[in-house]
Amino acid sequence: MTISAVELHLLAESMGVQLQRHTGGHPGWYDHHRRIISTRRGQSIGQYKSVLAHELGHAAHRDTPTGNGHYDQRQERRADEYAAQLLINPHDFETAAIWHHGHLPAIADELEVTQHILKTWQSMAANRVA
């Protein structure tokens, strides 16, 4: 069973993070000092859930931009991995992969995630097996 947007909102509330929306610009951002996540209006449900889960990853790890590309990229990767673990479970992935004959865009749509988050999850799964 995939996690719903309502469940993501409840998780944010339990973390003490306020949610807001913005128009234009980045799909989402997190301000650790104010404990605010903002997501861009007009995204599909898969984009919205993926962006919100990614930003919740930043909140969970208390990330703030460092200005150092290496460390900022590590924070981004960690937030992607947090989102992938939160949004995708192996059973749902396997069912969707069989139903859609391994077609990545269709699997992502079925799971209501972006292809980027799905690829992150697949990479993590491959590393667990290796």
N, C-alpha and C. Protein backbone atom coordinates (compact mmCIF):
# COMPACT_ATOMS: atom_id res chain seq x y z
N MET A 1 0.86 -1.18 0.00
CA MET A 1 0.00 0.00 0.00
C MET A 1 0.90 1.24 0.00
N THR A 2 0.70 2.10 -0.97
CA THR A 2 1.52 3.30 -1.04
C THR A 2 1.01 4.34 -0.05
N ILE A 3 1.91 5.18 0.39
CA ILE A 3 1.58 6.23 1.35
C ILE A 3 0.84 7.36 0.63
N SER A 4 -0.17 7.89 1.26
CA SER A 4 -0.98 8.95 0.65
C SER A 4 -0.42 10.33 0.97
N ALA A 5 -0.92 11.32 0.25
CA ALA A 5 -0.54 12.70 0.53
C ALA A 5 -0.98 13.10 1.93
N VAL A 6 -2.15 12.62 2.35
CA VAL A 6 -2.64 12.93 3.70
C VAL A 6 -1.68 12.37 4.75
N GLU A 7 -1.18 11.16 4.52
CA GLU A 7 -0.22 10.57 5.46
C GLU A 7 1.09 11.36 5.48
N LEU A 8 1.49 11.89 4.33
CA LEU A 8 2.68 12.74 4.29
C LEU A 8 2.45 14.02 5.08
N HIS A 9 1.25 14.57 4.97
CA HIS A 9 0.91 15.78 5.74
C HIS A 9 0.94 15.48 7.24
N LEU A 10 0.43 14.33 7.63
CA LEU A 10 0.45 13.95 9.05
C LEU A 10 1.88 13.75 9.54
N LEU A 11 2.73 13.18 8.69
CA LEU A 11 4.13 13.01 9.05
C LEU A 11 4.79 14.37 9.26
N ALA A 12 4.53 15.30 8.36
CA ALA A 12 5.09 16.65 8.51
C ALA A 12 4.63 17.26 9.83
N GLU A 13 3.35 17.12 10.13
CA GLU A 13 2.82 17.67 11.39
C GLU A 13 3.51 17.04 12.59
N SER A 14 3.71 15.72 12.54
CA SER A 14 4.36 15.03 13.66
C SER A 14 5.82 15.45 13.82
N MET A 15 6.43 15.93 12.75
CA MET A 15 7.82 16.40 12.78
C MET A 15 7.91 17.88 13.16
N GLY A 16 6.76 18.52 13.31
CA GLY A 16 6.75 19.94 13.63
C GLY A 16 7.08 20.83 12.45
N VAL A 17 6.75 20.35 11.25
CA VAL A 17 7.04 21.09 10.02
C VAL A 17 5.74 21.64 9.46
N GLN A 18 5.75 22.93 9.16
CA GLN A 18 4.59 23.59 8.56
C GLN A 18 4.68 23.45 7.04
N LEU A 19 3.53 23.18 6.40
CA LEU A 19 3.48 23.06 4.94
C LEU A 19 2.84 24.30 4.35
N GLN A 20 3.40 24.76 3.24
CA GLN A 20 2.81 25.86 2.51
C GLN A 20 3.02 25.64 1.02
N ARG A 21 2.41 26.48 0.18
CA ARG A 21 2.50 26.35 -1.26
C ARG A 21 3.07 27.64 -1.85
N HIS A 22 3.69 27.53 -3.02
CA HIS A 22 4.17 28.70 -3.74
C HIS A 22 3.87 28.55 -5.22
N THR A 23 3.95 29.63 -5.94
CA THR A 23 3.68 29.64 -7.38
C THR A 23 5.00 29.88 -8.11
N GLY A 24 5.28 29.04 -9.10
CA GLY A 24 6.50 29.18 -9.89
C GLY A 24 7.75 28.78 -9.10
N GLY A 25 8.87 28.75 -9.80
CA GLY A 25 10.13 28.43 -9.14
C GLY A 25 10.35 26.95 -8.92
N HIS A 26 11.14 26.65 -7.91
CA HIS A 26 11.52 25.27 -7.60
C HIS A 26 10.29 24.43 -7.23
N PRO A 27 10.34 23.13 -7.52
CA PRO A 27 9.22 22.26 -7.13
C PRO A 27 8.97 22.25 -5.62
N GLY A 28 10.03 22.42 -4.85
CA GLY A 28 9.86 22.44 -3.40
C GLY A 28 11.13 22.93 -2.72
N TRP A 29 10.97 23.36 -1.47
CA TRP A 29 12.13 23.75 -0.68
C TRP A 29 11.82 23.57 0.79
N TYR A 30 12.89 23.48 1.57
CA TYR A 30 12.78 23.31 3.02
C TYR A 30 13.64 24.36 3.70
N ASP A 31 13.07 25.04 4.68
CA ASP A 31 13.79 26.02 5.49
C ASP A 31 13.86 25.45 6.90
N HIS A 32 15.05 24.99 7.27
CA HIS A 32 15.20 24.33 8.57
C HIS A 32 14.98 25.29 9.73
N HIS A 33 15.44 26.50 9.61
CA HIS A 33 15.34 27.45 10.72
C HIS A 33 13.88 27.80 11.04
N ARG A 34 13.05 27.87 10.01
CA ARG A 34 11.63 28.17 10.22
C ARG A 34 10.76 26.91 10.24
N ARG A 35 11.38 25.74 9.94
CA ARG A 35 10.67 24.45 9.90
C ARG A 35 9.47 24.53 8.96
N ILE A 36 9.75 24.98 7.72
CA ILE A 36 8.72 25.13 6.69
C ILE A 36 9.14 24.36 5.44
N ILE A 37 8.18 23.64 4.87
CA ILE A 37 8.33 23.05 3.54
C ILE A 37 7.31 23.75 2.65
N SER A 38 7.77 24.20 1.50
CA SER A 38 6.87 24.79 0.52
C SER A 38 6.95 23.97 -0.76
N THR A 39 5.79 23.68 -1.34
CA THR A 39 5.72 22.95 -2.60
C THR A 39 5.02 23.82 -3.63
N ARG A 40 5.44 23.67 -4.88
CA ARG A 40 4.89 24.47 -5.98
C ARG A 40 3.49 23.99 -6.34
N ARG A 41 2.60 24.93 -6.54
CA ARG A 41 1.25 24.61 -7.00
C ARG A 41 1.30 24.01 -8.40
N GLY A 42 0.30 23.19 -8.73
CA GLY A 42 0.13 22.69 -10.09
C GLY A 42 0.88 21.42 -10.44
N GLN A 43 1.48 20.77 -9.46
CA GLN A 43 2.20 19.52 -9.74
C GLN A 43 1.21 18.35 -9.78
N SER A 44 1.59 17.31 -10.51
CA SER A 44 0.80 16.07 -10.49
C SER A 44 0.91 15.46 -9.09
N ILE A 45 0.05 14.51 -8.77
CA ILE A 45 0.11 13.87 -7.45
C ILE A 45 1.44 13.16 -7.25
N GLY A 46 1.97 12.53 -8.30
CA GLY A 46 3.26 11.85 -8.18
C GLY A 46 4.39 12.83 -7.93
N GLN A 47 4.37 13.96 -8.63
CA GLN A 47 5.39 14.98 -8.40
C GLN A 47 5.26 15.55 -6.99
N TYR A 48 4.03 15.88 -6.61
CA TYR A 48 3.80 16.47 -5.29
C TYR A 48 4.28 15.55 -4.18
N LYS A 49 3.87 14.29 -4.23
CA LYS A 49 4.26 13.35 -3.18
C LYS A 49 5.77 13.17 -3.16
N SER A 50 6.40 13.07 -4.32
CA SER A 50 7.85 12.87 -4.39
C SER A 50 8.59 14.09 -3.83
N VAL A 51 8.15 15.28 -4.22
CA VAL A 51 8.79 16.50 -3.74
C VAL A 51 8.59 16.64 -2.23
N LEU A 52 7.36 16.44 -1.76
CA LEU A 52 7.09 16.57 -0.33
C LEU A 52 7.90 15.55 0.47
N ALA A 53 7.94 14.30 0.02
CA ALA A 53 8.72 13.28 0.73
C ALA A 53 10.20 13.62 0.73
N HIS A 54 10.72 14.14 -0.38
CA HIS A 54 12.12 14.57 -0.47
C HIS A 54 12.39 15.67 0.56
N GLU A 55 11.52 16.66 0.60
CA GLU A 55 11.71 17.77 1.55
C GLU A 55 11.56 17.28 3.00
N LEU A 56 10.69 16.31 3.24
CA LEU A 56 10.60 15.71 4.57
C LEU A 56 11.90 15.02 4.94
N GLY A 57 12.60 14.47 3.94
CA GLY A 57 13.92 13.89 4.18
C GLY A 57 14.90 14.94 4.68
N HIS A 58 14.86 16.11 4.08
CA HIS A 58 15.70 17.21 4.56
C HIS A 58 15.33 17.56 6.00
N ALA A 59 14.04 17.62 6.28
CA ALA A 59 13.59 17.97 7.63
C ALA A 59 14.02 16.90 8.64
N ALA A 60 13.88 15.64 8.27
CA ALA A 60 14.25 14.55 9.17
C ALA A 60 15.73 14.59 9.53
N HIS A 61 16.55 15.03 8.58
CA HIS A 61 18.00 15.07 8.80
C HIS A 61 18.50 16.46 9.19
N ARG A 62 17.58 17.40 9.36
CA ARG A 62 17.91 18.77 9.76
C ARG A 62 18.92 19.42 8.81
N ASP A 63 18.69 19.19 7.51
CA ASP A 63 19.60 19.70 6.49
C ASP A 63 19.49 21.22 6.32
N THR A 64 20.64 21.81 6.12
CA THR A 64 20.73 23.21 5.70
C THR A 64 21.79 23.25 4.61
N PRO A 65 21.61 24.07 3.58
CA PRO A 65 22.62 24.15 2.53
C PRO A 65 23.97 24.59 3.11
N THR A 66 25.03 23.94 2.64
CA THR A 66 26.36 24.24 3.17
C THR A 66 27.16 25.17 2.25
N GLY A 67 26.77 25.23 0.98
CA GLY A 67 27.57 25.99 0.01
C GLY A 67 28.70 25.15 -0.57
N ASN A 68 28.90 23.95 -0.03
CA ASN A 68 29.91 23.03 -0.53
C ASN A 68 29.18 22.01 -1.41
N GLY A 69 29.48 22.03 -2.70
CA GLY A 69 28.80 21.16 -3.65
C GLY A 69 28.76 19.70 -3.25
N HIS A 70 29.88 19.19 -2.74
CA HIS A 70 29.96 17.78 -2.35
C HIS A 70 28.97 17.47 -1.24
N TYR A 71 28.95 18.27 -0.20
CA TYR A 71 28.07 18.01 0.93
C TYR A 71 26.61 18.28 0.59
N ASP A 72 26.37 19.31 -0.22
CA ASP A 72 24.99 19.60 -0.62
C ASP A 72 24.44 18.46 -1.49
N GLN A 73 25.27 17.90 -2.37
CA GLN A 73 24.84 16.76 -3.19
C GLN A 73 24.55 15.54 -2.33
N ARG A 74 25.34 15.33 -1.29
CA ARG A 74 25.08 14.22 -0.37
C ARG A 74 23.74 14.41 0.33
N GLN A 75 23.43 15.64 0.71
CA GLN A 75 22.13 15.92 1.34
C GLN A 75 20.99 15.63 0.36
N GLU A 76 21.18 16.02 -0.89
CA GLU A 76 20.14 15.79 -1.90
C GLU A 76 19.92 14.30 -2.13
N ARG A 77 21.01 13.55 -2.24
CA ARG A 77 20.91 12.10 -2.44
C ARG A 77 20.23 11.44 -1.25
N ARG A 78 20.60 11.86 -0.04
CA ARG A 78 20.01 11.30 1.17
C ARG A 78 18.51 11.61 1.23
N ALA A 79 18.11 12.83 0.82
CA ALA A 79 16.69 13.19 0.81
C ALA A 79 15.94 12.38 -0.24
N ASP A 80 16.56 12.13 -1.40
CA ASP A 80 15.94 11.26 -2.42
C ASP A 80 15.75 9.85 -1.88
N GLU A 81 16.76 9.33 -1.20
CA GLU A 81 16.67 7.98 -0.64
C GLU A 81 15.60 7.89 0.44
N TYR A 82 15.49 8.93 1.26
CA TYR A 82 14.46 8.98 2.28
C TYR A 82 13.08 8.92 1.61
N ALA A 83 12.90 9.74 0.57
CA ALA A 83 11.63 9.76 -0.16
C ALA A 83 11.32 8.40 -0.79
N ALA A 84 12.32 7.80 -1.41
CA ALA A 84 12.11 6.50 -2.05
C ALA A 84 11.69 5.44 -1.04
N GLN A 85 12.35 5.41 0.10
CA GLN A 85 11.99 4.43 1.13
C GLN A 85 10.60 4.68 1.68
N LEU A 86 10.25 5.94 1.81
CA LEU A 86 8.95 6.32 2.36
C LEU A 86 7.82 5.98 1.39
N LEU A 87 8.03 6.20 0.11
CA LEU A 87 6.95 6.12 -0.87
C LEU A 87 6.79 4.78 -1.57
N ILE A 88 7.84 3.96 -1.59
CA ILE A 88 7.79 2.72 -2.38
C ILE A 88 8.09 1.52 -1.49
N ASN A 89 7.25 0.50 -1.60
CA ASN A 89 7.57 -0.75 -0.92
C ASN A 89 7.76 -1.84 -1.96
N PRO A 90 8.55 -2.86 -1.63
CA PRO A 90 8.91 -3.89 -2.62
C PRO A 90 7.70 -4.59 -3.24
N HIS A 91 6.68 -4.89 -2.45
CA HIS A 91 5.51 -5.60 -2.99
C HIS A 91 4.79 -4.76 -4.03
N ASP A 92 4.55 -3.48 -3.72
CA ASP A 92 3.87 -2.60 -4.68
C ASP A 92 4.69 -2.41 -5.94
N PHE A 93 6.01 -2.29 -5.78
CA PHE A 93 6.88 -2.15 -6.95
C PHE A 93 6.78 -3.40 -7.82
N GLU A 94 6.90 -4.57 -7.21
CA GLU A 94 6.88 -5.82 -7.97
C GLU A 94 5.56 -5.99 -8.71
N THR A 95 4.46 -5.70 -8.04
CA THR A 95 3.15 -5.81 -8.67
C THR A 95 3.03 -4.86 -9.86
N ALA A 96 3.45 -3.61 -9.67
CA ALA A 96 3.38 -2.62 -10.75
C ALA A 96 4.31 -3.00 -11.90
N ALA A 97 5.50 -3.52 -11.58
CA ALA A 97 6.47 -3.90 -12.61
C ALA A 97 5.92 -5.04 -13.48
N ILE A 98 5.26 -5.99 -12.84
CA ILE A 98 4.66 -7.10 -13.60
C ILE A 98 3.52 -6.58 -14.47
N TRP A 99 2.64 -5.81 -13.87
CA TRP A 99 1.47 -5.30 -14.58
C TRP A 99 1.86 -4.45 -15.79
N HIS A 100 2.91 -3.64 -15.62
CA HIS A 100 3.33 -2.71 -16.68
C HIS A 100 4.53 -3.21 -17.48
N HIS A 101 4.85 -4.51 -17.33
CA HIS A 101 5.92 -5.15 -18.10
C HIS A 101 7.24 -4.41 -17.99
N GLY A 102 7.55 -3.88 -16.79
CA GLY A 102 8.82 -3.22 -16.55
C GLY A 102 8.93 -1.82 -17.12
N HIS A 103 7.86 -1.27 -17.66
CA HIS A 103 7.89 0.07 -18.27
C HIS A 103 7.94 1.13 -17.17
N LEU A 104 9.12 1.75 -17.02
CA LEU A 104 9.40 2.65 -15.91
C LEU A 104 8.40 3.80 -15.75
N PRO A 105 8.06 4.54 -16.82
CA PRO A 105 7.10 5.64 -16.63
C PRO A 105 5.75 5.15 -16.11
N ALA A 106 5.28 4.03 -16.60
CA ALA A 106 3.99 3.49 -16.15
C ALA A 106 4.07 3.02 -14.70
N ILE A 107 5.18 2.41 -14.33
CA ILE A 107 5.37 1.98 -12.94
C ILE A 107 5.36 3.19 -12.02
N ALA A 108 6.08 4.24 -12.39
CA ALA A 108 6.13 5.46 -11.59
C ALA A 108 4.73 6.05 -11.44
N ASP A 109 3.97 6.10 -12.53
CA ASP A 109 2.60 6.61 -12.47
C ASP A 109 1.75 5.77 -11.53
N GLU A 110 1.86 4.46 -11.65
CA GLU A 110 1.09 3.55 -10.80
C GLU A 110 1.40 3.77 -9.32
N LEU A 111 2.67 3.98 -9.02
CA LEU A 111 3.10 4.16 -7.62
C LEU A 111 2.96 5.61 -7.15
N GLU A 112 2.57 6.50 -8.05
CA GLU A 112 2.42 7.93 -7.75
C GLU A 112 3.72 8.54 -7.24
N VAL A 113 4.80 8.29 -8.00
CA VAL A 113 6.11 8.87 -7.71
C VAL A 113 6.72 9.34 -9.02
N THR A 114 7.76 10.16 -8.92
CA THR A 114 8.49 10.56 -10.12
C THR A 114 9.40 9.41 -10.56
N GLN A 115 9.77 9.45 -11.82
CA GLN A 115 10.72 8.45 -12.32
C GLN A 115 12.05 8.57 -11.58
N HIS A 116 12.43 9.78 -11.19
CA HIS A 116 13.69 9.97 -10.46
C HIS A 116 13.66 9.24 -9.12
N ILE A 117 12.57 9.36 -8.38
CA ILE A 117 12.46 8.67 -7.08
C ILE A 117 12.40 7.16 -7.30
N LEU A 118 11.72 6.73 -8.35
CA LEU A 118 11.67 5.29 -8.66
C LEU A 118 13.06 4.76 -8.98
N LYS A 119 13.82 5.49 -9.78
CA LYS A 119 15.19 5.06 -10.11
C LYS A 119 16.07 5.04 -8.86
N THR A 120 15.87 6.00 -7.97
CA THR A 120 16.61 6.01 -6.71
C THR A 120 16.29 4.75 -5.92
N TRP A 121 15.01 4.39 -5.84
CA TRP A 121 14.60 3.20 -5.11
C TRP A 121 15.21 1.94 -5.74
N GLN A 122 15.18 1.87 -7.07
CA GLN A 122 15.76 0.71 -7.76
C GLN A 122 17.25 0.60 -7.48
N SER A 123 17.96 1.72 -7.47
CA SER A 123 19.39 1.71 -7.17
C SER A 123 19.65 1.22 -5.75
N MET A 124 18.83 1.69 -4.82
CA MET A 124 18.97 1.25 -3.43
C MET A 124 18.70 -0.25 -3.31
N ALA A 125 17.68 -0.73 -4.01
CA ALA A 125 17.33 -2.16 -3.97
C ALA A 125 18.46 -3.00 -4.56
N ALA A 126 19.05 -2.52 -5.65
CA ALA A 126 20.16 -3.24 -6.28
C ALA A 126 21.37 -3.30 -5.34
N ASN A 127 21.61 -2.22 -4.61
CA ASN A 127 22.74 -2.20 -3.68
C ASN A 127 22.51 -3.12 -2.49
N ARG A 128 21.24 -3.29 -2.09
CA ARG A 128 20.94 -4.21 -0.98
C ARG A 128 21.20 -5.65 -1.39
N VAL A 129 20.95 -5.96 -2.66
CA VAL A 129 21.13 -7.32 -3.17
C VAL A 129 22.61 -7.63 -3.37
N ALA A 130 23.35 -6.63 -3.85
CA ALA A 130 24.78 -6.83 -4.19
C ALA A 130 25.65 -7.05 -2.98
